[in-house]
Structure formats: C-alpha cells, structure tokens
Protein backbone atom coordinates (compact mmCIF):
# COMPACT_ATOMS: atom_id res chain seq x y z
CA MET A 1 4.07 5.66 -10.86
CA ILE A 2 3.32 2.09 -10.42
CA SER A 3 0.51 -0.12 -10.06
CA TYR A 4 -0.94 -2.71 -8.52
CA LYS A 5 -4.18 -4.02 -8.52
CA THR A 6 -5.87 -5.38 -5.44
CA ASN A 7 -7.02 -8.69 -4.09
CA GLY A 8 -9.84 -8.77 -1.48
CA THR A 9 -10.21 -5.57 -0.78
CA CYS A 10 -12.84 -2.22 -1.75
CA ALA A 11 -9.30 -1.12 -3.05
CA LYS A 12 -9.31 -1.92 -6.07
CA GLU A 13 -5.40 -1.00 -6.88
CA ILE A 14 -2.48 1.23 -5.43
CA LYS A 15 -1.10 4.00 -7.19
CA PHE A 16 2.21 4.56 -5.93
CA GLU A 17 6.24 5.72 -6.65
CA VAL A 18 9.41 4.61 -5.68
CA ASN A 19 11.99 7.22 -5.22
CA GLY A 20 15.80 5.27 -4.31
CA ASP A 21 13.60 3.26 -1.68
CA LYS A 22 11.16 6.44 -0.32
CA VAL A 23 7.28 5.58 -0.64
CA ASN A 24 5.56 8.89 -2.54
CA ASN A 25 2.32 10.24 -3.71
CA VAL A 26 0.33 6.74 -2.60
CA GLU A 27 -2.89 6.80 -4.12
CA PHE A 28 -5.65 4.11 -3.54
CA VAL A 29 -7.98 3.78 -5.72
CA SER A 30 -11.62 3.28 -3.57
CA GLY A 31 -12.22 2.25 -0.62
CA CYS A 32 -12.40 3.71 2.66
CA PRO A 33 -11.26 7.14 1.61
CA GLY A 34 -10.74 8.85 5.47
CA ASN A 35 -8.88 6.21 6.75
CA LEU A 36 -6.88 5.90 3.03
CA LEU A 37 -6.34 8.80 2.43
CA GLY A 38 -5.04 9.22 6.63
CA ILE A 39 -2.80 5.76 4.78
CA GLN A 40 -1.28 8.26 2.01
CA ALA A 41 -0.76 10.89 4.65
CA LEU A 42 1.56 8.57 7.12
CA VAL A 43 3.78 6.74 4.61
CA ASN A 44 4.60 9.58 2.65
CA GLY A 45 8.57 9.54 2.46
CA LEU A 46 8.99 6.32 4.18
CA THR A 47 11.29 3.71 3.00
CA ILE A 48 9.82 0.96 1.35
CA ASP A 49 10.82 -1.87 4.29
CA GLU A 50 9.27 0.84 7.00
CA VAL A 51 5.47 0.83 5.27
CA ILE A 52 6.07 -3.62 5.00
CA SER A 53 6.85 -3.91 8.49
CA LYS A 54 4.22 -1.98 9.02
CA PHE A 55 1.77 -2.86 7.27
CA GLU A 56 2.36 -6.01 6.64
CA GLY A 57 0.26 -8.94 7.58
CA ILE A 58 -2.93 -6.84 8.75
CA SER A 59 -6.42 -8.16 7.83
CA CYS A 60 -10.29 -6.36 7.46
CA ASN A 61 -12.97 -7.36 9.51
CA GLY A 62 -12.04 -10.76 9.15
CA ARG A 63 -10.49 -10.82 5.73
CA PRO A 64 -7.46 -12.27 4.93
CA THR A 65 -6.01 -8.86 3.36
CA SER A 66 -6.95 -5.31 3.91
CA CYS A 67 -5.75 -2.41 1.94
CA PRO A 68 -2.39 -1.65 4.48
CA ASP A 69 -1.62 -5.23 3.97
CA GLN A 70 -2.67 -5.26 -0.01
CA PHE A 71 0.45 -2.17 -0.52
CA ALA A 72 2.95 -4.31 1.91
CA ARG A 73 1.51 -6.92 -0.93
CA ALA A 74 2.66 -3.97 -3.69
CA LEU A 75 5.71 -3.13 -2.64
CA LYS A 76 7.46 -6.05 -1.89
CA GLU A 77 6.31 -7.53 -5.71
CA TYR A 78 7.87 -4.17 -6.02
CA LYS A 79 11.60 -4.45 -4.38
CA LEU A 80 11.34 -8.54 -6.43
CA LYS A 81 11.86 -6.19 -10.40
CA ILE A 82 14.01 -4.13 -8.86
C-alpha cells in the first residue's frame, strides 16, 4: 500500500495500490466521505495516466487544489519513483 500525505485539502492522506499500471484499493483518510467513496469507485481499475488526465488541476472551493488533484499529484510522484 502506497501512502501520500495531502496538502491543502480536507483529506489528510491517500492510500492506494498499483498493479502494473492500474490503480486499485484507493482510500482517502478524512475528507467528504460520499464524494471520496465515489472517486474510489470510479478510479478502481483505471490506468495511472487515465486518473492523472481526469483529475489533474481540479480545484475545490477556491483552493488551488482538491482531493482529486492531490491524487493526481500522488500518482505523478509514484511514476517518478518507478
């Protein structure tokens, strides 16, 4: 399980697994439960690049980032390490 500490969002951490290039078992710690459960269900089985392209740059309530954007950042950071 990979863990990413978020910055500037209600969710404090994102945990996820990557199998090959597919994202699985995403879990947001804290944040808006309904929305984040929806995100978890939608991204399960998508490729890393699909998730990044859909979520990168999304803002939340006037903030320069959001939980989806933070997840895209986590995945980009993961790609740099592999």
